[in-house]
């Protein structure tokens, strides 16, 4: 086994945890199964992560990074605010359709954290991360497109996080792509009404 820098090894183990948790579920995924998935010894796992809480936080952050990087790439300014917002949501939607099990895992992680004593802060951190991510994207658009908002950034960020969360869960449960697109049209129109270009 090649020696890797600690940060790279943590990344390897986190990606292995995502694969194992997606396949086996969070409660049935053990540190041993994650180490096996990564092709490393259990001692390497314990060297990189002090606790299961630390691992779950890394998993939550990494899954969020997976789709945020795609959205950030897509959300560059277009001719109109509506087109720009649609491009960002389309990139996210394409990620959901390509990786539904990974998105389903985010809900399982939330429920797991809420039900495990001492893990509740991870669920809170997960949703704070979603809102922080939206706030960063909104600020990016405010500066690049000269947007003026009718609501404070934190309010709009939490609204977008809640709306995206609901749309994603609705699709994972019902599998109705047409409904997702119809609702998205309404959401984009509403967002455009909450902001205007200078």
Protein backbone atom coordinates (compact mmCIF):
# COMPACT_ATOMS: atom_id res chain seq x y z
CA UNK A 1 0.00 0.00 0.00
CA UNK A 2 1.42 3.36 -1.06
CA UNK A 3 1.96 6.03 1.57
CA UNK A 4 -0.36 8.94 1.00
CA UNK A 5 -0.46 12.31 2.76
CA UNK A 6 -2.97 12.29 5.61
CA UNK A 7 -5.42 14.66 3.83
CA UNK A 8 -5.42 12.48 0.72
CA UNK A 9 -5.93 9.33 2.78
CA UNK A 10 -8.86 10.99 4.61
CA UNK A 11 -10.36 11.85 1.23
CA UNK A 12 -9.92 8.25 0.07
CA UNK A 13 -11.59 6.91 3.21
CA UNK A 14 -14.43 9.45 2.96
CA UNK A 15 -15.17 8.45 -0.64
CA UNK A 16 -15.04 4.78 0.43
CA UNK A 17 -17.48 5.58 3.26
CA UNK A 18 -19.85 7.23 0.80
CA UNK A 19 -19.79 4.13 -1.42
CA UNK A 20 -20.27 1.77 1.54
CA UNK A 21 -23.03 3.85 3.16
CA UNK A 22 -24.83 4.25 -0.16
CA UNK A 23 -24.72 0.51 -0.72
CA UNK A 24 -25.28 -0.80 2.84
CA UNK A 25 -26.95 2.07 4.71
CA UNK A 26 -25.46 4.22 7.45
CA UNK A 27 -26.27 1.98 10.47
CA UNK A 28 -24.81 -1.14 8.79
CA UNK A 29 -21.61 0.56 7.63
CA UNK A 30 -18.75 -0.15 10.01
CA UNK A 31 -15.25 1.25 10.21
CA UNK A 32 -14.04 -2.20 9.16
CA UNK A 33 -16.23 -2.19 6.02
CA UNK A 34 -15.05 1.32 5.13
CA UNK A 35 -11.41 0.30 5.50
CA UNK A 36 -12.05 -2.76 3.31
CA UNK A 37 -13.82 -0.59 0.71
CA UNK A 38 -10.79 1.74 0.65
CA UNK A 39 -8.33 -1.18 0.58
CA UNK A 40 -6.54 -0.08 3.77
CA UNK A 41 -6.05 -1.54 7.22
CA UNK A 42 -8.35 -0.63 10.08
CA UNK A 43 -5.43 1.08 11.81
CA UNK A 44 -5.13 3.50 8.85
CA UNK A 45 -8.80 4.40 9.30
CA UNK A 46 -8.31 5.10 13.02
CA UNK A 47 -5.19 7.12 12.29
CA UNK A 48 -7.18 9.39 9.94
CA UNK A 49 -10.44 9.68 11.90
CA UNK A 50 -10.77 9.96 15.67
CA UNK A 51 -14.49 9.09 15.70
CA UNK A 52 -17.48 8.09 13.63
CA UNK A 53 -18.80 11.64 14.16
CA UNK A 54 -15.72 13.04 12.46
CA UNK A 55 -16.17 10.62 9.56
CA UNK A 56 -19.87 11.46 9.12
CA UNK A 57 -19.08 15.17 9.10
CA UNK A 58 -16.47 14.52 6.39
CA UNK A 59 -19.02 12.47 4.40
CA UNK A 60 -21.64 15.25 4.63
CA UNK A 61 -19.14 17.91 3.55
CA UNK A 62 -17.80 15.80 0.68
CA UNK A 63 -21.24 14.91 -0.73
CA UNK A 64 -22.15 18.60 -0.64
CA UNK A 65 -18.90 19.46 -2.44
CA UNK A 66 -19.75 16.91 -5.15
CA UNK A 67 -22.77 18.81 -6.35
CA UNK A 68 -21.76 22.34 -5.34
CA UNK A 69 -18.74 22.20 -7.64
CA UNK A 70 -21.04 21.29 -10.54
CA UNK A 71 -23.49 24.09 -9.69
CA UNK A 72 -20.74 26.71 -9.28
CA UNK A 73 -19.40 25.83 -12.70
CA UNK A 74 -22.87 26.20 -14.27
CA UNK A 75 -24.05 29.35 -12.51
CA UNK A 76 -21.98 31.91 -14.38
CA UNK A 77 -24.00 34.95 -15.54
CA UNK A 78 -26.23 34.50 -18.58
CA UNK A 79 -28.47 36.90 -20.48
CA UNK A 80 -31.12 37.01 -17.74
CA UNK A 81 -31.37 36.17 -14.06
CA UNK A 82 -33.91 33.46 -14.87
CA UNK A 83 -31.51 31.78 -17.32
CA UNK A 84 -28.67 31.98 -14.79
CA UNK A 85 -30.74 30.48 -11.97
CA UNK A 86 -32.11 27.79 -14.29
CA UNK A 87 -28.57 26.79 -15.32
CA UNK A 88 -27.58 26.32 -11.67
CA UNK A 89 -30.68 24.29 -10.83
CA UNK A 90 -30.29 22.26 -14.02
CA UNK A 91 -26.73 21.34 -13.03
CA UNK A 92 -27.97 20.29 -9.59
CA UNK A 93 -30.88 18.35 -11.09
CA UNK A 94 -28.55 16.53 -13.50
CA UNK A 95 -26.45 15.53 -10.49
CA UNK A 96 -29.51 14.23 -8.62
CA UNK A 97 -30.57 12.13 -11.61
CA UNK A 98 -27.03 10.80 -12.13
CA UNK A 99 -26.43 10.05 -8.42
CA UNK A 100 -29.81 9.45 -6.74
CA UNK A 101 -28.35 7.04 -4.16
CA UNK A 102 -25.84 9.66 -3.01
CA UNK A 103 -28.64 12.19 -2.51
CA UNK A 104 -30.74 9.57 -0.71
CA UNK A 105 -27.76 9.04 1.58
CA UNK A 106 -27.91 12.71 2.66
CA UNK A 107 -31.39 12.13 4.09
CA UNK A 108 -30.29 8.94 5.79
CA UNK A 109 -27.33 10.77 7.34
CA UNK A 110 -29.68 13.46 8.67
CA UNK A 111 -32.00 10.90 10.27
CA UNK A 112 -29.09 8.90 11.64
CA UNK A 113 -27.50 11.98 13.22
CA UNK A 114 -30.80 13.10 14.75
CA UNK A 115 -31.40 9.67 16.31
CA UNK A 116 -27.89 9.08 17.69
CA UNK A 117 -27.22 10.77 21.03
CA UNK A 118 -24.31 13.15 20.63
CA UNK A 119 -24.60 13.28 16.82
CA UNK A 120 -27.43 15.84 16.61
CA UNK A 121 -25.02 18.67 15.88
CA UNK A 122 -24.02 16.91 12.64
CA UNK A 123 -27.57 17.19 11.26
CA UNK A 124 -27.61 20.86 12.24
CA UNK A 125 -24.20 21.35 10.61
CA UNK A 126 -25.43 19.61 7.45
CA UNK A 127 -28.30 22.06 7.01
CA UNK A 128 -26.14 25.04 7.97
CA UNK A 129 -23.73 23.93 5.24
CA UNK A 130 -26.56 23.92 2.71
CA UNK A 131 -27.63 27.45 3.68
CA UNK A 132 -24.01 28.71 3.71
CA UNK A 133 -23.49 27.24 0.24
CA UNK A 134 -26.55 29.03 -1.11
CA UNK A 135 -25.47 32.27 0.57
CA UNK A 136 -22.09 32.02 -1.22
CA UNK A 137 -23.79 31.39 -4.57
CA UNK A 138 -26.19 34.30 -4.01
CA UNK A 139 -23.30 36.61 -3.13
CA UNK A 140 -21.45 35.45 -6.23
CA UNK A 141 -24.46 36.38 -8.39
CA UNK A 142 -25.00 39.67 -6.54
CA UNK A 143 -21.48 40.75 -7.46
CA UNK A 144 -21.26 39.36 -10.99
CA UNK A 145 -24.77 40.39 -12.08
CA UNK A 146 -25.29 43.42 -9.85
CA UNK A 147 -28.39 41.94 -8.21
CA UNK A 148 -30.46 43.81 -5.67
CA UNK A 149 -32.41 41.55 -3.34
CA UNK A 150 -35.81 42.21 -1.77
CA UNK A 151 -34.98 39.85 1.11
CA UNK A 152 -31.79 39.40 3.15
CA UNK A 153 -29.25 36.89 1.79
CA UNK A 154 -29.60 34.50 4.77
CA UNK A 155 -33.38 34.35 4.31
CA UNK A 156 -33.12 33.66 0.58
CA UNK A 157 -30.35 31.10 1.18
CA UNK A 158 -32.46 29.15 3.70
CA UNK A 159 -35.49 29.36 1.40
CA UNK A 160 -33.48 27.93 -1.50
CA UNK A 161 -31.98 25.20 0.70
CA UNK A 162 -35.44 24.19 1.98
CA UNK A 163 -36.96 24.28 -1.48
CA UNK A 164 -34.13 22.22 -3.01
CA UNK A 165 -34.31 19.74 -0.14
CA UNK A 166 -38.05 19.30 -0.64
CA UNK A 167 -37.82 18.98 -4.42
CA UNK A 168 -35.03 16.42 -4.14
CA UNK A 169 -36.86 14.28 -1.59
CA UNK A 170 -40.07 14.53 -3.63
CA UNK A 171 -38.23 13.20 -6.70
CA UNK A 172 -36.48 10.42 -4.76
CA UNK A 173 -39.84 9.25 -3.36
CA UNK A 174 -42.09 9.75 -6.40
CA UNK A 175 -39.61 9.61 -9.29
CA UNK A 176 -41.65 12.20 -11.20
CA UNK A 177 -39.25 14.22 -13.37
CA UNK A 178 -42.04 16.19 -15.06
CA UNK A 179 -43.34 17.44 -11.72
CA UNK A 180 -39.80 18.47 -10.72
CA UNK A 181 -39.47 20.57 -13.87
CA UNK A 182 -42.91 22.17 -13.46
CA UNK A 183 -42.19 23.11 -9.84
CA UNK A 184 -38.77 24.41 -10.82
CA UNK A 185 -40.38 26.84 -13.29
CA UNK A 186 -42.45 28.25 -10.42
CA UNK A 187 -39.43 28.47 -8.12
CA UNK A 188 -37.33 30.29 -10.75
CA UNK A 189 -40.11 32.81 -11.35
CA UNK A 190 -40.40 33.36 -7.59
CA UNK A 191 -36.64 33.83 -7.18
CA UNK A 192 -36.60 36.33 -10.04
CA UNK A 193 -39.32 38.24 -8.19
CA UNK A 194 -37.14 38.41 -5.08
CA UNK A 195 -34.21 39.97 -6.93
CA UNK A 196 -33.64 42.39 -9.74
CA UNK A 197 -30.65 43.27 -11.85
CA UNK A 198 -29.22 46.76 -11.39
